[in-house]
Amino acid sequence: MAPGIIIGDDAICAYGSYVNKDIPEGMMASGLPAIIIKRNKEQIIHNIKIDDNYIKITLEKIINEYRENIILITNRNPISIHLCISQDVILDKNNSIYVLYNSKIIKRQIIKYAVFDVSQRRCYNHNLNQIDFDGFRKYLSRYGIRFITGK
């Protein structure tokens, strides 16, 4: 941003933009140099229908991208990841990550696993390789999905 520039209330400037002119209230600007691309916030803000299907599709996409990146970067198969949406879960696969949304664990039959409960924003590692646990947690944080670690 250039010195002396004023950005109005509720104005949005896209990341990486160079703002060299004042941006009025409620506008959205983007580019090098920044130009106004939207004239009022009603054009920017819209309601997204968030239901179990939307969450499932989004999490499946993130998990698939994670798998592809692990294969590309490390040249090894990624750890097994199971997505559970709105269901009771039996943890029965060893060396696995379970991603839960509106789900509850009813039984644990394995020794090494990790759980990422998206709806509760909690995760915990139960003897899973720490590198796999931390790597998946950091990958989810790229999408703004963050967790409190605990049991």
C-alpha atoms as a PDB file:
ATOM      1  CA  MET A   1       0.000   0.000   0.000  1.00  0.00           C
ATOM      2  CA  ALA A   2       1.317   3.437  -0.913  1.00  0.00           C
ATOM      3  CA  PRO A   3       1.767   5.991   1.881  1.00  0.00           C
ATOM      4  CA  GLY A   4      -1.200   8.224   2.714  1.00  0.00           C
ATOM      5  CA  ILE A   5      -3.814   5.947   1.151  1.00  0.00           C
ATOM      6  CA  ILE A   6      -7.186   5.646   2.907  1.00  0.00           C
ATOM      7  CA  ILE A   7      -9.177   2.429   2.764  1.00  0.00           C
ATOM      8  CA  GLY A   8     -12.838   3.002   3.656  1.00  0.00           C
ATOM      9  CA  ASP A   9     -14.939   1.031   6.149  1.00  0.00           C
ATOM     10  CA  ASP A  10     -15.977  -2.445   4.940  1.00  0.00           C
ATOM     11  CA  ALA A  11     -13.651  -2.119   1.936  1.00  0.00           C
ATOM     12  CA  ILE A  12     -11.784  -5.229   0.831  1.00  0.00           C
ATOM     13  CA  CYS A  13      -8.353  -5.271  -0.805  1.00  0.00           C
ATOM     14  CA  ALA A  14      -7.268  -8.588  -2.303  1.00  0.00           C
ATOM     15  CA  TYR A  15      -4.094 -10.185  -0.989  1.00  0.00           C
ATOM     16  CA  GLY A  16      -1.020  -9.132  -2.976  1.00  0.00           C
ATOM     17  CA  SER A  17      -2.645  -6.036  -4.447  1.00  0.00           C
ATOM     18  CA  TYR A  18      -0.770  -2.734  -4.579  1.00  0.00           C
ATOM     19  CA  VAL A  19      -3.144  -0.004  -3.432  1.00  0.00           C
ATOM     20  CA  ASN A  20      -2.019   3.403  -4.708  1.00  0.00           C
ATOM     21  CA  LYS A  21      -5.400   5.214  -4.636  1.00  0.00           C
ATOM     22  CA  ASP A  22      -8.010   5.608  -1.913  1.00  0.00           C
ATOM     23  CA  ILE A  23     -10.566   2.791  -1.777  1.00  0.00           C
ATOM     24  CA  PRO A  24     -14.075   4.048  -0.882  1.00  0.00           C
ATOM     25  CA  GLU A  25     -16.287   2.447   1.759  1.00  0.00           C
ATOM     26  CA  GLY A  26     -17.815  -0.930   0.854  1.00  0.00           C
ATOM     27  CA  MET A  27     -15.732  -1.494  -2.293  1.00  0.00           C
ATOM     28  CA  MET A  28     -13.517  -4.398  -3.318  1.00  0.00           C
ATOM     29  CA  ALA A  29     -10.190  -3.728  -5.043  1.00  0.00           C
ATOM     30  CA  SER A  30      -7.646  -6.055  -6.593  1.00  0.00           C
ATOM     31  CA  GLY A  31      -4.582  -5.984  -8.850  1.00  0.00           C
ATOM     32  CA  LEU A  32      -1.223  -4.320  -9.475  1.00  0.00           C
ATOM     33  CA  PRO A  33      -2.082  -1.458  -9.194  1.00  0.00           C
ATOM     34  CA  ALA A  34      -5.374  -2.136  -7.411  1.00  0.00           C
ATOM     35  CA  ILE A  35      -8.585  -1.255  -9.213  1.00  0.00           C
ATOM     36  CA  ILE A  36     -12.131  -1.427  -7.897  1.00  0.00           C
ATOM     37  CA  ILE A  37     -13.703  -4.670  -9.118  1.00  0.00           C
ATOM     38  CA  LYS A  38     -16.967  -4.667  -7.143  1.00  0.00           C
ATOM     39  CA  ARG A  39     -19.072  -1.635  -6.364  1.00  0.00           C
ATOM     40  CA  ASN A  40     -21.052  -2.754  -3.320  1.00  0.00           C
ATOM     41  CA  LYS A  41     -20.845  -5.472  -0.735  1.00  0.00           C
ATOM     42  CA  GLU A  42     -24.129  -7.057  -1.775  1.00  0.00           C
ATOM     43  CA  GLN A  43     -22.296  -8.258  -4.881  1.00  0.00           C
ATOM     44  CA  ILE A  44     -19.498  -9.726  -2.764  1.00  0.00           C
ATOM     45  CA  ILE A  45     -21.417 -11.411   0.038  1.00  0.00           C
ATOM     46  CA  HIS A  46     -23.772 -14.269  -0.730  1.00  0.00           C
ATOM     47  CA  ASN A  47     -25.238 -17.081   1.277  1.00  0.00           C
ATOM     48  CA  ILE A  48     -23.656 -20.478   0.828  1.00  0.00           C
ATOM     49  CA  LYS A  49     -25.878 -23.414   1.607  1.00  0.00           C
ATOM     50  CA  ILE A  50     -23.858 -25.477   4.046  1.00  0.00           C
ATOM     51  CA  ASP A  51     -25.272 -28.927   4.592  1.00  0.00           C
ATOM     52  CA  ASP A  52     -23.762 -32.372   5.128  1.00  0.00           C
ATOM     53  CA  ASN A  53     -23.407 -32.927   1.374  1.00  0.00           C
ATOM     54  CA  TYR A  54     -21.533 -29.631   0.896  1.00  0.00           C
ATOM     55  CA  ILE A  55     -19.217 -30.492   3.819  1.00  0.00           C
ATOM     56  CA  LYS A  56     -18.665 -34.004   2.435  1.00  0.00           C
ATOM     57  CA  ILE A  57     -17.764 -32.769  -1.053  1.00  0.00           C
ATOM     58  CA  THR A  58     -15.434 -30.105   0.351  1.00  0.00           C
ATOM     59  CA  LEU A  59     -13.653 -32.488   2.745  1.00  0.00           C
ATOM     60  CA  GLU A  60     -13.356 -35.189   0.049  1.00  0.00           C
ATOM     61  CA  LYS A  61     -11.718 -32.642  -2.246  1.00  0.00           C
ATOM     62  CA  ILE A  62      -9.255 -31.568   0.470  1.00  0.00           C
ATOM     63  CA  ILE A  63      -8.411 -35.194   1.361  1.00  0.00           C
ATOM     64  CA  ASN A  64      -7.886 -36.156  -2.298  1.00  0.00           C
ATOM     65  CA  GLU A  65      -5.617 -33.149  -2.858  1.00  0.00           C
ATOM     66  CA  TYR A  66      -3.649 -34.117   0.256  1.00  0.00           C
ATOM     67  CA  ARG A  67      -3.196 -37.670  -1.070  1.00  0.00           C
ATOM     68  CA  GLU A  68      -2.029 -36.379  -4.470  1.00  0.00           C
ATOM     69  CA  ASN A  69       0.438 -33.960  -2.849  1.00  0.00           C
ATOM     70  CA  ILE A  70       1.910 -36.634  -0.568  1.00  0.00           C
ATOM     71  CA  ILE A  71       2.459 -38.950  -3.535  1.00  0.00           C
ATOM     72  CA  LEU A  72       4.007 -36.125  -5.577  1.00  0.00           C
ATOM     73  CA  ILE A  73       6.228 -34.712  -2.809  1.00  0.00           C
ATOM     74  CA  THR A  74       7.319 -37.830  -0.914  1.00  0.00           C
ATOM     75  CA  ASN A  75       6.859 -40.487  -3.617  1.00  0.00           C
ATOM     76  CA  ARG A  76       5.048 -42.711  -1.119  1.00  0.00           C
ATOM     77  CA  ASN A  77       1.459 -43.669  -0.569  1.00  0.00           C
ATOM     78  CA  PRO A  78      -0.295 -41.472   1.989  1.00  0.00           C
ATOM     79  CA  ILE A  79      -1.708 -42.786   5.217  1.00  0.00           C
ATOM     80  CA  SER A  80      -5.251 -44.130   5.058  1.00  0.00           C
ATOM     81  CA  ILE A  81      -7.855 -41.389   5.695  1.00  0.00           C
ATOM     82  CA  HIS A  82     -11.520 -42.158   6.426  1.00  0.00           C
ATOM     83  CA  LEU A  83     -14.220 -39.481   6.154  1.00  0.00           C
ATOM     84  CA  CYS A  84     -17.243 -39.957   8.426  1.00  0.00           C
ATOM     85  CA  ILE A  85     -20.213 -37.579   8.037  1.00  0.00           C
ATOM     86  CA  SER A  86     -23.211 -37.716  10.425  1.00  0.00           C
ATOM     87  CA  GLN A  87     -22.749 -41.282  11.582  1.00  0.00           C
ATOM     88  CA  ASP A  88     -21.642 -43.432  14.487  1.00  0.00           C
ATOM     89  CA  VAL A  89     -18.043 -44.524  13.959  1.00  0.00           C
ATOM     90  CA  ILE A  90     -16.164 -47.654  14.927  1.00  0.00           C
ATOM     91  CA  LEU A  91     -12.422 -47.021  14.773  1.00  0.00           C
ATOM     92  CA  ASP A  92     -11.233 -50.339  13.378  1.00  0.00           C
ATOM     93  CA  LYS A  93      -8.488 -49.554  10.864  1.00  0.00           C
ATOM     94  CA  ASN A  94      -4.942 -49.407  12.212  1.00  0.00           C
ATOM     95  CA  ASN A  95      -2.555 -46.602  11.135  1.00  0.00           C
ATOM     96  CA  SER A  96      -5.433 -44.447   9.903  1.00  0.00           C
ATOM     97  CA  ILE A  97      -6.740 -40.924  10.189  1.00  0.00           C
ATOM     98  CA  TYR A  98     -10.455 -40.434  10.817  1.00  0.00           C
ATOM     99  CA  VAL A  99     -12.011 -37.129   9.767  1.00  0.00           C
ATOM    100  CA  LEU A 100     -15.353 -36.668  11.522  1.00  0.00           C
ATOM    101  CA  TYR A 101     -18.178 -34.206  10.965  1.00  0.00           C
ATOM    102  CA  ASN A 102     -21.301 -34.438  13.161  1.00  0.00           C
ATOM    103  CA  SER A 103     -20.214 -37.962  14.025  1.00  0.00           C
ATOM    104  CA  LYS A 104     -19.463 -39.720  17.263  1.00  0.00           C
ATOM    105  CA  ILE A 105     -17.091 -42.532  18.080  1.00  0.00           C
ATOM    106  CA  ILE A 106     -18.885 -45.495  19.584  1.00  0.00           C
ATOM    107  CA  LYS A 107     -16.027 -47.992  19.717  1.00  0.00           C
ATOM    108  CA  ARG A 108     -12.241 -48.117  19.375  1.00  0.00           C
ATOM    109  CA  GLN A 109     -10.713 -51.382  18.245  1.00  0.00           C
ATOM    110  CA  ILE A 110      -7.264 -50.270  17.126  1.00  0.00           C
ATOM    111  CA  ILE A 111      -4.016 -49.080  18.602  1.00  0.00           C
ATOM    112  CA  LYS A 112      -2.685 -46.457  16.146  1.00  0.00           C
ATOM    113  CA  TYR A 113      -5.021 -43.774  14.836  1.00  0.00           C
ATOM    114  CA  ALA A 114      -5.719 -40.053  14.768  1.00  0.00           C
ATOM    115  CA  VAL A 115      -9.057 -38.254  14.851  1.00  0.00           C
ATOM    116  CA  PHE A 116      -9.841 -34.844  13.358  1.00  0.00           C
ATOM    117  CA  ASP A 117     -13.332 -33.804  14.457  1.00  0.00           C
ATOM    118  CA  VAL A 118     -14.190 -30.888  12.161  1.00  0.00           C
ATOM    119  CA  SER A 119     -17.503 -30.016  13.829  1.00  0.00           C
ATOM    120  CA  GLN A 120     -15.930 -29.919  17.315  1.00  0.00           C
ATOM    121  CA  ARG A 121     -12.623 -28.371  16.105  1.00  0.00           C
ATOM    122  CA  ARG A 122     -10.702 -30.977  18.109  1.00  0.00           C
ATOM    123  CA  CYS A 123      -8.061 -33.476  17.104  1.00  0.00           C
ATOM    124  CA  TYR A 124      -6.017 -36.054  18.881  1.00  0.00           C
ATOM    125  CA  ASN A 125      -3.304 -38.530  18.052  1.00  0.00           C
ATOM    126  CA  HIS A 126      -3.327 -42.000  19.521  1.00  0.00           C
ATOM    127  CA  ASN A 127       0.094 -43.473  18.663  1.00  0.00           C
ATOM    128  CA  LEU A 128      -0.049 -42.565  14.961  1.00  0.00           C
ATOM    129  CA  ASN A 129       3.228 -41.459  13.363  1.00  0.00           C
ATOM    130  CA  GLN A 130       3.622 -37.828  14.491  1.00  0.00           C
ATOM    131  CA  ILE A 131       4.865 -36.736  11.052  1.00  0.00           C
ATOM    132  CA  ASP A 132       1.647 -38.007   9.409  1.00  0.00           C
ATOM    133  CA  PHE A 133      -0.501 -36.409  12.126  1.00  0.00           C
ATOM    134  CA  ASP A 134       1.237 -33.013  11.954  1.00  0.00           C
ATOM    135  CA  GLY A 135       1.375 -33.060   8.149  1.00  0.00           C
ATOM    136  CA  PHE A 136      -2.365 -33.646   7.781  1.00  0.00           C
ATOM    137  CA  ARG A 137      -3.170 -31.076  10.456  1.00  0.00           C
ATOM    138  CA  LYS A 138      -1.031 -28.453   8.693  1.00  0.00           C
ATOM    139  CA  TYR A 139      -2.623 -29.310   5.358  1.00  0.00           C
ATOM    140  CA  LEU A 140      -6.115 -28.774   6.773  1.00  0.00           C
ATOM    141  CA  SER A 141      -5.006 -25.429   8.217  1.00  0.00           C
ATOM    142  CA  ARG A 142      -4.290 -24.235   4.654  1.00  0.00           C
ATOM    143  CA  TYR A 143      -8.067 -24.304   4.179  1.00  0.00           C
ATOM    144  CA  GLY A 144      -8.772 -22.506   7.451  1.00  0.00           C
ATOM    145  CA  ILE A 145      -9.671 -25.722   9.288  1.00  0.00           C
ATOM    146  CA  ARG A 146      -7.933 -25.510  12.656  1.00  0.00           C
ATOM    147  CA  PHE A 147      -8.074 -27.709  15.718  1.00  0.00           C
ATOM    148  CA  ILE A 148      -7.429 -27.783  19.426  1.00  0.00           C
ATOM    149  CA  THR A 149      -5.314 -30.818  20.285  1.00  0.00           C
ATOM    150  CA  GLY A 150      -6.566 -32.921  23.140  1.00  0.00           C
ATOM    151  CA  LYS A 151      -8.462 -36.017  24.175  1.00  0.00           C
END
